[in-house]
């Protein structure tokens, strides 16, 4: 009788260990898959931000050819582009992205005072391309943030919290958030534009 109980206990322990190993493997693979999906989503944002940054020099050169407004507007666009290209984290990229968005709004606002620029085919094409890219950036940001939320929830819920800790995958990923500056309404002032 004791042998039967002992053998039953051994079978139970073997099954429990086997089940734990299977759960650990499944959790590990799931965490790795999700982590790589988040990394891919960040890379897609980076691709779109780079695409937008690549459009900026062409836009600036087109505007330079027509507009004779303050040089500081063009310099600010160039500085914001540079900051975006050198951003290292989602927080830095969001800050630089917001800075670039603000300077582009200023650039387009000032360009309204130049009818020949507004009618220029290159300028129109660049505006459309930039607008298309802005939509892609917005979608990529939303997709990335959805995956970040999924990751952050996954590593905090049971039983994943245990396996995430065991495998060293328990670090939260930061969201790509709008800054306070981006949340403010944009004020456009045409009084400084030379006509």
Protein backbone atom coordinates (compact mmCIF):
# COMPACT_ATOMS: atom_id res chain seq x y z
CA UNK A 1 0.00 0.00 0.00
CA UNK A 2 2.83 2.37 0.88
CA UNK A 3 4.51 1.54 -2.45
CA UNK A 4 1.31 2.46 -4.30
CA UNK A 5 1.06 5.80 -2.49
CA UNK A 6 4.74 6.52 -3.05
CA UNK A 7 4.56 5.68 -6.76
CA UNK A 8 1.38 7.81 -7.10
CA UNK A 9 3.18 10.72 -5.39
CA UNK A 10 6.18 10.33 -7.73
CA UNK A 11 3.88 10.33 -10.78
CA UNK A 12 2.11 13.41 -9.46
CA UNK A 13 5.43 15.25 -8.88
CA UNK A 14 6.72 14.29 -12.34
CA UNK A 15 3.47 15.49 -13.94
CA UNK A 16 3.54 18.74 -11.93
CA UNK A 17 7.17 19.43 -12.89
CA UNK A 18 6.39 18.57 -16.52
CA UNK A 19 3.38 20.90 -16.50
CA UNK A 20 5.49 23.69 -14.96
CA UNK A 21 8.17 23.22 -17.64
CA UNK A 22 5.56 23.31 -20.41
CA UNK A 23 4.00 26.47 -18.91
CA UNK A 24 7.45 28.07 -18.57
CA UNK A 25 8.32 27.32 -22.20
CA UNK A 26 4.95 28.63 -23.42
CA UNK A 27 5.27 31.78 -21.28
CA UNK A 28 8.84 32.40 -22.43
CA UNK A 29 7.93 32.02 -26.10
CA UNK A 30 4.91 34.27 -25.66
CA UNK A 31 6.97 36.96 -23.90
CA UNK A 32 9.73 36.83 -26.52
CA UNK A 33 7.17 37.06 -29.32
CA UNK A 34 5.41 40.03 -27.73
CA UNK A 35 8.69 41.78 -26.91
CA UNK A 36 9.83 41.45 -30.52
CA UNK A 37 6.45 42.71 -31.76
CA UNK A 38 6.83 45.82 -29.56
CA UNK A 39 10.37 46.33 -30.90
CA UNK A 40 9.08 46.00 -34.46
CA UNK A 41 6.31 48.53 -33.77
CA UNK A 42 8.93 50.98 -32.46
CA UNK A 43 11.02 50.39 -35.58
CA UNK A 44 7.97 51.24 -37.72
CA UNK A 45 7.60 54.56 -35.90
CA UNK A 46 11.29 55.17 -36.44
CA UNK A 47 10.93 54.44 -40.16
CA UNK A 48 8.06 56.91 -40.52
CA UNK A 49 9.84 59.59 -38.49
CA UNK A 50 12.94 59.12 -40.66
CA UNK A 51 10.80 59.32 -43.78
CA UNK A 52 9.33 62.58 -42.56
CA UNK A 53 12.75 63.92 -41.61
CA UNK A 54 14.00 63.09 -45.11
CA UNK A 55 11.22 65.22 -46.62
CA UNK A 56 12.15 68.28 -44.55
CA UNK A 57 15.27 69.41 -46.48
CA UNK A 58 13.33 69.37 -49.76
CA UNK A 59 10.51 71.31 -48.17
CA UNK A 60 12.88 73.88 -46.66
CA UNK A 61 14.68 74.37 -49.98
CA UNK A 62 11.38 74.83 -51.82
CA UNK A 63 10.22 77.40 -49.29
CA UNK A 64 13.57 79.22 -49.39
CA UNK A 65 13.15 79.76 -53.10
CA UNK A 66 9.89 81.67 -52.65
CA UNK A 67 9.60 83.06 -49.16
CA UNK A 68 11.68 85.84 -47.70
CA UNK A 69 10.60 85.55 -44.10
CA UNK A 70 12.71 85.20 -40.98
CA UNK A 71 15.61 82.85 -41.28
CA UNK A 72 14.86 81.59 -37.76
CA UNK A 73 11.79 79.66 -38.95
CA UNK A 74 13.92 77.60 -41.34
CA UNK A 75 16.66 77.19 -38.72
CA UNK A 76 14.12 75.94 -36.18
CA UNK A 77 12.81 73.36 -38.66
CA UNK A 78 16.37 72.18 -39.30
CA UNK A 79 17.16 71.97 -35.56
CA UNK A 80 13.95 70.05 -34.87
CA UNK A 81 14.75 67.61 -37.68
CA UNK A 82 18.23 67.05 -36.28
CA UNK A 83 16.83 66.41 -32.80
CA UNK A 84 14.42 63.84 -34.22
CA UNK A 85 17.18 61.99 -36.06
CA UNK A 86 19.35 61.76 -32.93
CA UNK A 87 16.60 60.73 -30.47
CA UNK A 88 17.50 57.59 -28.51
CA UNK A 89 14.32 56.67 -26.62
CA UNK A 90 10.56 56.90 -27.20
CA UNK A 91 10.48 59.85 -24.78
CA UNK A 92 13.24 61.70 -26.67
CA UNK A 93 11.65 60.85 -30.01
CA UNK A 94 8.24 62.09 -28.84
CA UNK A 95 9.76 65.36 -27.64
CA UNK A 96 11.67 65.87 -30.91
CA UNK A 97 8.63 64.83 -32.96
CA UNK A 98 6.50 67.39 -31.17
CA UNK A 99 9.13 70.08 -31.69
CA UNK A 100 9.28 69.27 -35.41
CA UNK A 101 5.49 69.26 -35.69
CA UNK A 102 5.34 72.72 -34.11
CA UNK A 103 8.01 74.16 -36.38
CA UNK A 104 6.33 72.68 -39.46
CA UNK A 105 3.03 74.27 -38.42
CA UNK A 106 4.83 77.61 -38.21
CA UNK A 107 6.44 77.03 -41.60
CA UNK A 108 3.13 76.21 -43.26
CA UNK A 109 1.38 79.10 -41.53
CA UNK A 110 3.95 81.58 -42.76
CA UNK A 111 3.90 80.08 -46.26
CA UNK A 112 0.23 81.06 -46.53
CA UNK A 113 1.41 84.62 -47.15
CA UNK A 114 3.11 83.57 -50.41
CA UNK A 115 0.57 82.70 -53.12
CA UNK A 116 3.24 81.70 -55.65
CA UNK A 117 4.69 79.24 -53.11
CA UNK A 118 1.27 77.79 -52.33
CA UNK A 119 0.76 77.20 -56.08
CA UNK A 120 4.18 75.61 -56.63
CA UNK A 121 3.82 71.96 -57.68
CA UNK A 122 6.87 70.84 -55.68
CA UNK A 123 5.54 72.53 -52.55
CA UNK A 124 2.08 71.01 -53.02
CA UNK A 125 3.57 67.54 -53.61
CA UNK A 126 5.79 67.86 -50.54
CA UNK A 127 2.85 69.01 -48.42
CA UNK A 128 0.79 66.02 -49.58
CA UNK A 129 3.67 63.61 -48.95
CA UNK A 130 4.23 65.12 -45.51
CA UNK A 131 0.52 64.89 -44.73
CA UNK A 132 0.50 61.23 -45.78
CA UNK A 133 3.56 60.59 -43.63
CA UNK A 134 1.93 62.35 -40.66
CA UNK A 135 -0.99 59.93 -40.95
CA UNK A 136 1.41 56.98 -41.04
CA UNK A 137 3.27 58.33 -38.00
CA UNK A 138 -0.01 58.70 -36.10
CA UNK A 139 -1.05 55.15 -36.97
CA UNK A 140 2.38 53.74 -36.07
CA UNK A 141 2.30 55.59 -32.72
CA UNK A 142 -1.15 54.23 -31.94
CA UNK A 143 -0.16 50.67 -32.89
CA UNK A 144 3.03 50.92 -30.84
CA UNK A 145 1.18 52.22 -27.78
CA UNK A 146 -1.41 49.43 -28.10
CA UNK A 147 1.40 46.86 -28.07
CA UNK A 148 3.18 48.59 -25.19
CA UNK A 149 -0.02 48.43 -23.17
CA UNK A 150 -0.38 44.73 -24.01
CA UNK A 151 3.25 44.10 -22.98
CA UNK A 152 2.97 46.04 -19.73
CA UNK A 153 -0.26 44.24 -18.79
CA UNK A 154 1.13 40.83 -19.77
CA UNK A 155 4.24 41.11 -17.59
CA UNK A 156 2.13 42.14 -14.59
CA UNK A 157 -0.58 39.49 -14.74
CA UNK A 158 -0.49 36.03 -13.23
CA UNK A 159 1.17 33.65 -14.09
CA UNK A 160 3.23 35.73 -16.55
CA UNK A 161 4.50 37.95 -13.74
CA UNK A 162 6.33 34.92 -12.31
CA UNK A 163 7.86 33.85 -15.60
CA UNK A 164 8.68 37.43 -16.65
CA UNK A 165 10.65 37.81 -13.42
CA UNK A 166 12.38 34.45 -13.83
CA UNK A 167 13.42 35.28 -17.42
CA UNK A 168 14.34 38.90 -16.65
CA UNK A 169 11.62 40.27 -18.92
CA UNK A 170 9.73 42.25 -16.32
CA UNK A 171 10.73 45.76 -17.38
CA UNK A 172 7.91 47.98 -18.55
CA UNK A 173 8.19 49.72 -21.91
CA UNK A 174 7.45 53.42 -22.08
CA UNK A 175 4.63 54.78 -24.20
CA UNK A 176 5.14 57.23 -27.05
CA UNK A 177 3.27 60.12 -25.40
CA UNK A 178 2.39 63.60 -26.48
CA UNK A 179 4.16 66.29 -24.50
CA UNK A 180 2.50 69.22 -22.78
CA UNK A 181 3.66 71.42 -25.67
CA UNK A 182 1.85 69.24 -28.20
CA UNK A 183 -1.36 69.35 -26.17
CA UNK A 184 -1.46 73.16 -26.26
CA UNK A 185 -3.46 74.93 -28.95
CA UNK A 186 -1.37 76.47 -31.71
CA UNK A 187 -1.45 80.25 -32.04
CA UNK A 188 -0.65 81.65 -35.45
CA UNK A 189 0.46 85.27 -35.79
CA UNK A 190 0.70 86.75 -39.29
CA UNK A 191 1.66 90.23 -38.13
CA UNK A 192 5.38 89.42 -38.40
CA UNK A 193 5.24 88.21 -41.99
CA UNK A 194 6.75 90.53 -44.60
CA UNK A 195 4.55 90.90 -47.64
